[in-house]
PDB file of N, CA and C in Angstrom:
ATOM      1  N   MET A   1      12.918  55.646   9.467  1.00  0.00           N
ATOM      2  CA  MET A   1      12.722  54.203   9.559  1.00  0.00           C
ATOM      3  C   MET A   1      11.625  53.925  10.569  1.00  0.00           C
ATOM      4  N   THR A   2      10.658  53.110  10.201  1.00  0.00           N
ATOM      5  CA  THR A   2       9.584  52.758  11.104  1.00  0.00           C
ATOM      6  C   THR A   2      10.134  51.905  12.233  1.00  0.00           C
ATOM      7  N   LEU A   3       9.893  52.313  13.467  1.00  0.00           N
ATOM      8  CA  LEU A   3      10.488  51.638  14.612  1.00  0.00           C
ATOM      9  C   LEU A   3       9.883  50.270  14.886  1.00  0.00           C
ATOM     10  N   LYS A   4       8.574  50.119  14.677  1.00  0.00           N
ATOM     11  CA  LYS A   4       7.924  48.872  15.077  1.00  0.00           C
ATOM     12  C   LYS A   4       8.336  47.678  14.233  1.00  0.00           C
ATOM     13  N   CYS A   5       8.558  47.878  12.932  1.00  0.00           N
ATOM     14  CA  CYS A   5       8.875  46.727  12.082  1.00  0.00           C
ATOM     15  C   CYS A   5      10.147  46.920  11.278  1.00  0.00           C
ATOM     16  N   GLY A   6      10.862  48.011  11.495  1.00  0.00           N
ATOM     17  CA  GLY A   6      12.110  48.242  10.787  1.00  0.00           C
ATOM     18  C   GLY A   6      11.934  48.543   9.310  1.00  0.00           C
ATOM     19  N   CYS A   7      10.771  49.057   8.919  1.00  0.00           N
ATOM     20  CA  CYS A   7      10.512  49.383   7.518  1.00  0.00           C
ATOM     21  C   CYS A   7      11.445  50.512   7.072  1.00  0.00           C
ATOM     22  N   LEU A   8      12.030  50.355   5.899  1.00  0.00           N
ATOM     23  CA  LEU A   8      12.989  51.322   5.390  1.00  0.00           C
ATOM     24  C   LEU A   8      12.348  52.426   4.559  1.00  0.00           C
ATOM     25  N   PHE A   9      11.016  52.396   4.375  1.00  0.00           N
ATOM     26  CA  PHE A   9      10.320  53.416   3.586  1.00  0.00           C
ATOM     27  C   PHE A   9      10.623  54.785   4.171  1.00  0.00           C
ATOM     28  N   LYS A  10      10.988  55.738   3.289  1.00  0.00           N
ATOM     29  CA  LYS A  10      11.363  57.059   3.782  1.00  0.00           C
ATOM     30  C   LYS A  10      11.009  58.132   2.761  1.00  0.00           C
ATOM     31  N   LEU A  11      10.411  59.216   3.250  1.00  0.00           N
ATOM     32  CA  LEU A  11      10.104  60.390   2.444  1.00  0.00           C
ATOM     33  C   LEU A  11      10.911  61.566   2.959  1.00  0.00           C
ATOM     34  N   LYS A  12      11.228  62.492   2.079  1.00  0.00           N
ATOM     35  CA  LYS A  12      11.944  63.702   2.470  1.00  0.00           C
ATOM     36  C   LYS A  12      11.178  64.880   1.887  1.00  0.00           C
ATOM     37  N   SER A  13      10.859  65.865   2.734  1.00  0.00           N
ATOM     38  CA  SER A  13      10.137  67.038   2.256  1.00  0.00           C
ATOM     39  C   SER A  13      11.008  68.281   2.393  1.00  0.00           C
ATOM     40  N   TYR A  14      10.778  69.216   1.487  1.00  0.00           N
ATOM     41  CA  TYR A  14      11.520  70.465   1.481  1.00  0.00           C
ATOM     42  C   TYR A  14      10.531  71.616   1.320  1.00  0.00           C
ATOM     43  N   HIS A  15      10.722  72.671   2.083  1.00  0.00           N
ATOM     44  CA  HIS A  15       9.925  73.882   1.916  1.00  0.00           C
ATOM     45  C   HIS A  15      10.734  74.815   1.015  1.00  0.00           C
ATOM     46  N   LEU A  16      10.219  75.073  -0.184  1.00  0.00           N
ATOM     47  CA  LEU A  16      10.937  75.859  -1.177  1.00  0.00           C
ATOM     48  C   LEU A  16      10.789  77.356  -0.920  1.00  0.00           C
ATOM     49  N   SER A  17      11.697  78.134  -1.440  1.00  0.00           N
ATOM     50  CA  SER A  17      11.657  79.585  -1.256  1.00  0.00           C
ATOM     51  C   SER A  17      10.400  80.196  -1.879  1.00  0.00           C
ATOM     52  N   SER A  18       9.776  79.488  -2.833  1.00  0.00           N
ATOM     53  CA  SER A  18       8.546  79.971  -3.470  1.00  0.00           C
ATOM     54  C   SER A  18       7.327  79.790  -2.561  1.00  0.00           C
ATOM     55  N   GLY A  19       7.526  79.113  -1.415  1.00  0.00           N
ATOM     56  CA  GLY A  19       6.425  78.871  -0.490  1.00  0.00           C
ATOM     57  C   GLY A  19       5.761  77.522  -0.694  1.00  0.00           C
ATOM     58  N   GLN A  20       6.146  76.807  -1.735  1.00  0.00           N
ATOM     59  CA  GLN A  20       5.578  75.489  -1.998  1.00  0.00           C
ATOM     60  C   GLN A  20       6.434  74.407  -1.350  1.00  0.00           C
ATOM     61  N   TRP A  21       5.889  73.193  -1.316  1.00  0.00           N
ATOM     62  CA  TRP A  21       6.596  72.055  -0.739  1.00  0.00           C
ATOM     63  C   TRP A  21       6.989  71.098  -1.841  1.00  0.00           C
ATOM     64  N   SER A  22       8.116  70.452  -1.656  1.00  0.00           N
ATOM     65  CA  SER A  22       8.584  69.394  -2.544  1.00  0.00           C
ATOM     66  C   SER A  22       8.686  68.118  -1.717  1.00  0.00           C
ATOM     67  N   LEU A  23       8.204  67.022  -2.265  1.00  0.00           N
ATOM     68  CA  LEU A  23       8.235  65.739  -1.560  1.00  0.00           C
ATOM     69  C   LEU A  23       8.950  64.716  -2.423  1.00  0.00           C
ATOM     70  N   ASN A  24       9.993  64.107  -1.884  1.00  0.00           N
ATOM     71  CA  ASN A  24      10.771  63.102  -2.604  1.00  0.00           C
ATOM     72  C   ASN A  24      10.718  61.774  -1.862  1.00  0.00           C
ATOM     73  N   VAL A  25      10.617  60.699  -2.627  1.00  0.00           N
ATOM     74  CA  VAL A  25      10.682  59.352  -2.051  1.00  0.00           C
ATOM     75  C   VAL A  25      12.148  58.955  -2.015  1.00  0.00           C
ATOM     76  N   VAL A  26      12.701  58.806  -0.812  1.00  0.00           N
ATOM     77  CA  VAL A  26      14.097  58.417  -0.648  1.00  0.00           C
ATOM     78  C   VAL A  26      14.220  56.905  -0.811  1.00  0.00           C
ATOM     79  N   ASN A  27      13.324  56.169  -0.184  1.00  0.00           N
ATOM     80  CA  ASN A  27      13.302  54.716  -0.292  1.00  0.00           C
ATOM     81  C   ASN A  27      11.838  54.285  -0.320  1.00  0.00           C
ATOM     82  N   GLY A  28      11.399  53.726  -1.432  1.00  0.00           N
ATOM     83  CA  GLY A  28      10.003  53.335  -1.595  1.00  0.00           C
ATOM     84  C   GLY A  28       9.723  51.887  -1.241  1.00  0.00           C
ATOM     85  N   GLU A  29      10.678  51.199  -0.647  1.00  0.00           N
ATOM     86  CA  GLU A  29      10.502  49.777  -0.333  1.00  0.00           C
ATOM     87  C   GLU A  29       9.884  49.578   1.045  1.00  0.00           C
ATOM     88  N   HIS A  30       8.987  48.609   1.120  1.00  0.00           N
ATOM     89  CA  HIS A  30       8.388  48.201   2.392  1.00  0.00           C
ATOM     90  C   HIS A  30       8.798  46.752   2.664  1.00  0.00           C
ATOM     91  N   ASN A  31       8.965  46.411   3.921  1.00  0.00           N
ATOM     92  CA  ASN A  31       9.320  45.039   4.271  1.00  0.00           C
ATOM     93  C   ASN A  31       8.174  44.351   5.013  1.00  0.00           C
ATOM     94  N   HIS A  32       6.941  44.837   4.776  1.00  0.00           N
ATOM     95  CA  HIS A  32       5.790  44.300   5.501  1.00  0.00           C
ATOM     96  C   HIS A  32       4.536  44.479   4.668  1.00  0.00           C
ATOM     97  N   GLU A  33       3.495  43.750   5.011  1.00  0.00           N
ATOM     98  CA  GLU A  33       2.190  43.896   4.371  1.00  0.00           C
ATOM     99  C   GLU A  33       1.460  45.069   5.005  1.00  0.00           C
ATOM    100  N   MET A  34       0.527  45.660   4.269  1.00  0.00           N
ATOM    101  CA  MET A  34      -0.273  46.739   4.824  1.00  0.00           C
ATOM    102  C   MET A  34      -1.152  46.186   5.952  1.00  0.00           C
ATOM    103  N   THR A  35      -1.224  46.946   7.040  1.00  0.00           N
ATOM    104  CA  THR A  35      -2.003  46.493   8.189  1.00  0.00           C
ATOM    105  C   THR A  35      -3.497  46.529   7.891  1.00  0.00           C
ATOM    106  N   ARG A  36      -4.236  45.608   8.454  1.00  0.00           N
ATOM    107  CA  ARG A  36      -5.689  45.582   8.300  1.00  0.00           C
ATOM    108  C   ARG A  36      -6.374  46.046   9.590  1.00  0.00           C
ATOM    109  N   ASP A  37      -5.617  46.143  10.665  1.00  0.00           N
ATOM    110  CA  ASP A  37      -6.146  46.547  11.962  1.00  0.00           C
ATOM    111  C   ASP A  37      -5.440  47.825  12.385  1.00  0.00           C
ATOM    112  N   PHE A  38      -6.176  48.938  12.409  1.00  0.00           N
ATOM    113  CA  PHE A  38      -5.577  50.229  12.720  1.00  0.00           C
ATOM    114  C   PHE A  38      -5.691  50.600  14.192  1.00  0.00           C
ATOM    115  N   GLN A  39      -6.033  49.668  15.054  1.00  0.00           N
ATOM    116  CA  GLN A  39      -6.148  49.962  16.474  1.00  0.00           C
ATOM    117  C   GLN A  39      -4.802  50.441  17.005  1.00  0.00           C
ATOM    118  N   GLY A  40      -4.825  51.601  17.678  1.00  0.00           N
ATOM    119  CA  GLY A  40      -3.612  52.163  18.244  1.00  0.00           C
ATOM    120  C   GLY A  40      -2.848  53.078  17.299  1.00  0.00           C
ATOM    121  N   HIS A  41      -3.262  53.157  16.039  1.00  0.00           N
ATOM    122  CA  HIS A  41      -2.608  54.047  15.088  1.00  0.00           C
ATOM    123  C   HIS A  41      -3.127  55.462  15.256  1.00  0.00           C
ATOM    124  N   LYS A  42      -2.283  56.456  14.997  1.00  0.00           N
ATOM    125  CA  LYS A  42      -2.664  57.857  15.144  1.00  0.00           C
ATOM    126  C   LYS A  42      -3.821  58.225  14.233  1.00  0.00           C
ATOM    127  N   TYR A  43      -3.908  57.616  13.050  1.00  0.00           N
ATOM    128  CA  TYR A  43      -4.979  57.922  12.108  1.00  0.00           C
ATOM    129  C   TYR A  43      -6.342  57.663  12.727  1.00  0.00           C
ATOM    130  N   VAL A  44      -6.456  56.578  13.458  1.00  0.00           N
ATOM    131  CA  VAL A  44      -7.725  56.201  14.083  1.00  0.00           C
ATOM    132  C   VAL A  44      -8.069  57.135  15.243  1.00  0.00           C
ATOM    133  N   GLU A  45      -7.042  57.668  15.892  1.00  0.00           N
ATOM    134  CA  GLU A  45      -7.254  58.512  17.068  1.00  0.00           C
ATOM    135  C   GLU A  45      -7.563  59.962  16.720  1.00  0.00           C
ATOM    136  N   MET A  46      -7.629  60.316  15.427  1.00  0.00           N
ATOM    137  CA  MET A  46      -7.923  61.681  15.020  1.00  0.00           C
ATOM    138  C   MET A  46      -9.360  62.043  15.364  1.00  0.00           C
ATOM    139  N   LEU A  47      -9.592  63.332  15.619  1.00  0.00           N
ATOM    140  CA  LEU A  47     -10.932  63.793  15.944  1.00  0.00           C
ATOM    141  C   LEU A  47     -11.813  63.807  14.703  1.00  0.00           C
ATOM    142  N   GLN A  48     -13.075  63.459  14.881  1.00  0.00           N
ATOM    143  CA  GLN A  48     -14.067  63.550  13.818  1.00  0.00           C
ATOM    144  C   GLN A  48     -14.471  65.007  13.642  1.00  0.00           C
ATOM    145  N   THR A  49     -15.164  65.326  12.556  1.00  0.00           N
ATOM    146  CA  THR A  49     -15.557  66.703  12.249  1.00  0.00           C
ATOM    147  C   THR A  49     -16.384  67.315  13.368  1.00  0.00           C
ATOM    148  N   ASP A  50     -17.363  66.576  13.890  1.00  0.00           N
ATOM    149  CA  ASP A  50     -18.215  67.112  14.961  1.00  0.00           C
ATOM    150  C   ASP A  50     -17.432  67.299  16.257  1.00  0.00           C
ATOM    151  N   GLU A  51     -16.442  66.456  16.489  1.00  0.00           N
ATOM    152  CA  GLU A  51     -15.611  66.594  17.681  1.00  0.00           C
ATOM    153  C   GLU A  51     -14.713  67.836  17.574  1.00  0.00           C
ATOM    154  N   LYS A  52     -14.186  68.092  16.384  1.00  0.00           N
ATOM    155  CA  LYS A  52     -13.374  69.292  16.176  1.00  0.00           C
ATOM    156  C   LYS A  52     -14.201  70.549  16.417  1.00  0.00           C
ATOM    157  N   GLU A  53     -15.428  70.545  15.947  1.00  0.00           N
ATOM    158  CA  GLU A  53     -16.326  71.687  16.135  1.00  0.00           C
ATOM    159  C   GLU A  53     -16.594  71.918  17.618  1.00  0.00           C
ATOM    160  N   LEU A  54     -16.803  70.842  18.366  1.00  0.00           N
ATOM    161  CA  LEU A  54     -17.044  70.949  19.798  1.00  0.00           C
ATOM    162  C   LEU A  54     -15.828  71.548  20.509  1.00  0.00           C
ATOM    163  N   VAL A  55     -14.635  71.091  20.154  1.00  0.00           N
ATOM    164  CA  VAL A  55     -13.411  71.634  20.751  1.00  0.00           C
ATOM    165  C   VAL A  55     -13.287  73.120  20.432  1.00  0.00           C
ATOM    166  N   ARG A  56     -13.581  73.518  19.193  1.00  0.00           N
ATOM    167  CA  ARG A  56     -13.514  74.917  18.797  1.00  0.00           C
ATOM    168  C   ARG A  56     -14.493  75.758  19.617  1.00  0.00           C
ATOM    169  N   GLU A  57     -15.726  75.262  19.772  1.00  0.00           N
ATOM    170  CA  GLU A  57     -16.733  75.995  20.549  1.00  0.00           C
ATOM    171  C   GLU A  57     -16.329  76.123  22.017  1.00  0.00           C
ATOM    172  N   LEU A  58     -15.840  75.054  22.586  1.00  0.00           N
ATOM    173  CA  LEU A  58     -15.420  75.093  23.982  1.00  0.00           C
ATOM    174  C   LEU A  58     -14.255  76.054  24.179  1.00  0.00           C
ATOM    175  N   THR A  59     -13.317  76.068  23.218  1.00  0.00           N
ATOM    176  CA  THR A  59     -12.174  76.980  23.298  1.00  0.00           C
ATOM    177  C   THR A  59     -12.629  78.430  23.217  1.00  0.00           C
ATOM    178  N   GLU A  60     -13.550  78.716  22.300  1.00  0.00           N
ATOM    179  CA  GLU A  60     -14.075  80.078  22.168  1.00  0.00           C
ATOM    180  C   GLU A  60     -14.814  80.537  23.427  1.00  0.00           C
ATOM    181  N   ASN A  61     -15.389  79.595  24.158  1.00  0.00           N
ATOM    182  CA  ASN A  61     -16.125  79.907  25.376  1.00  0.00           C
ATOM    183  C   ASN A  61     -15.249  79.818  26.626  1.00  0.00           C
ATOM    184  N   MET A  62     -13.925  79.877  26.401  1.00  0.00           N
ATOM    185  CA  MET A  62     -12.935  79.935  27.481  1.00  0.00           C
ATOM    186  C   MET A  62     -12.938  78.710  28.401  1.00  0.00           C
ATOM    187  N   ALA A  63     -13.324  77.562  27.882  1.00  0.00           N
ATOM    188  CA  ALA A  63     -13.247  76.339  28.685  1.00  0.00           C
ATOM    189  C   ALA A  63     -11.780  75.995  28.908  1.00  0.00           C
ATOM    190  N   LEU A  64     -11.459  75.516  30.067  1.00  0.00           N
ATOM    191  CA  LEU A  64     -10.085  75.120  30.370  1.00  0.00           C
ATOM    192  C   LEU A  64      -9.728  73.859  29.574  1.00  0.00           C
ATOM    193  N   PRO A  65      -8.493  73.762  29.102  1.00  0.00           N
ATOM    194  CA  PRO A  65      -8.080  72.584  28.339  1.00  0.00           C
ATOM    195  C   PRO A  65      -8.346  71.268  29.061  1.00  0.00           C
ATOM    196  N   ARG A  66      -8.150  71.251  30.385  1.00  0.00           N
ATOM    197  CA  ARG A  66      -8.398  69.998  31.123  1.00  0.00           C
ATOM    198  C   ARG A  66      -9.868  69.602  31.074  1.00  0.00           C
ATOM    199  N   ASN A  67     -10.767  70.582  30.938  1.00  0.00           N
ATOM    200  CA  ASN A  67     -12.196  70.286  30.841  1.00  0.00           C
ATOM    201  C   ASN A  67     -12.579  69.867  29.423  1.00  0.00           C
ATOM    202  N   ILE A  68     -11.849  70.349  28.440  1.00  0.00           N
ATOM    203  CA  ILE A  68     -12.103  69.947  27.061  1.00  0.00           C
ATOM    204  C   ILE A  68     -11.695  68.493  26.858  1.00  0.00           C
ATOM    205  N   MET A  69     -10.594  68.115  27.474  1.00  0.00           N
ATOM    206  CA  MET A  69     -10.123  66.731  27.341  1.00  0.00           C
ATOM    207  C   MET A  69     -11.147  65.771  27.897  1.00  0.00           C
TER     208      MET A  69
END
Protein backbone atom coordinates (compact mmCIF):
# COMPACT_ATOMS: atom_id res chain seq x y z
CA MET A 1 0.00 0.00 0.00
CA THR A 2 1.39 3.39 -0.95
CA LEU A 3 1.97 5.29 2.28
CA LYS A 4 1.60 8.85 0.99
CA CYS A 5 -1.92 8.56 -0.44
CA GLY A 6 -3.17 5.17 0.75
CA CYS A 7 -3.27 3.73 -2.77
CA LEU A 8 -4.28 0.07 -2.72
CA PHE A 9 -2.42 -0.84 -5.96
CA LYS A 10 -0.33 -3.93 -5.27
CA LEU A 11 1.91 -6.27 -7.26
CA LYS A 12 3.29 -9.62 -6.14
CA SER A 13 6.39 -11.17 -7.69
CA TYR A 14 7.66 -14.72 -7.46
CA HIS A 15 11.05 -16.15 -8.40
CA LEU A 16 10.31 -19.50 -10.05
CA SER A 17 12.48 -22.60 -9.79
CA SER A 18 13.17 -22.23 -13.55
CA GLY A 19 15.02 -18.98 -12.77
CA GLN A 20 12.33 -16.77 -14.29
CA TRP A 21 10.10 -14.27 -12.52
CA SER A 22 6.32 -14.20 -12.35
CA LEU A 23 4.48 -10.94 -11.71
CA ASN A 24 0.84 -10.85 -10.61
CA VAL A 25 -1.42 -7.85 -10.09
CA VAL A 26 -3.06 -8.34 -6.70
CA ASN A 27 -5.03 -5.09 -6.81
CA GLY A 28 -5.00 -2.94 -9.95
CA GLU A 29 -7.05 -0.07 -8.52
CA HIS A 30 -5.67 3.40 -7.91
CA ASN A 31 -7.35 6.04 -5.75
CA HIS A 32 -5.44 8.98 -7.23
CA GLU A 33 -4.49 10.67 -10.50
CA MET A 34 -1.04 10.12 -11.98
CA THR A 35 1.40 12.72 -10.70
CA ARG A 36 2.69 15.37 -13.09
CA ASP A 37 5.48 16.56 -10.78
CA PHE A 38 8.13 13.94 -10.01
CA GLN A 39 10.18 16.12 -7.65
CA GLY A 40 11.33 13.98 -4.73
CA HIS A 41 10.50 10.68 -6.44
CA LYS A 42 13.18 7.98 -6.61
CA TYR A 43 12.83 7.80 -10.41
CA VAL A 44 14.05 11.37 -10.76
CA GLU A 45 16.95 10.80 -8.37
CA MET A 46 18.42 7.94 -10.47
CA LEU A 47 21.88 8.42 -11.95
CA GLN A 48 22.19 9.30 -15.63
CA THR A 49 24.31 7.11 -17.94
CA ASP A 50 27.34 9.43 -17.80
CA GLU A 51 27.07 9.65 -14.01
CA LYS A 52 27.03 5.85 -13.70
CA GLU A 53 30.15 5.66 -15.86
CA LEU A 54 31.90 8.21 -13.65
CA VAL A 55 31.03 6.23 -10.50
CA ARG A 56 32.34 3.04 -12.15
CA GLU A 57 35.62 4.74 -13.12
CA LEU A 58 36.11 6.24 -9.68
CA THR A 59 35.42 2.86 -8.05
CA GLU A 60 37.93 1.12 -10.32
CA ASN A 61 40.51 3.77 -9.37
CA MET A 62 40.01 3.01 -5.66
CA ALA A 63 38.30 6.31 -4.83
CA LEU A 64 36.74 6.27 -1.38
CA PRO A 65 32.92 6.13 -1.38
CA ARG A 66 32.73 9.42 0.56
CA ASN A 67 34.71 11.09 -2.26
CA ILE A 68 32.47 9.59 -4.93
CA MET A 69 29.39 10.99 -3.23
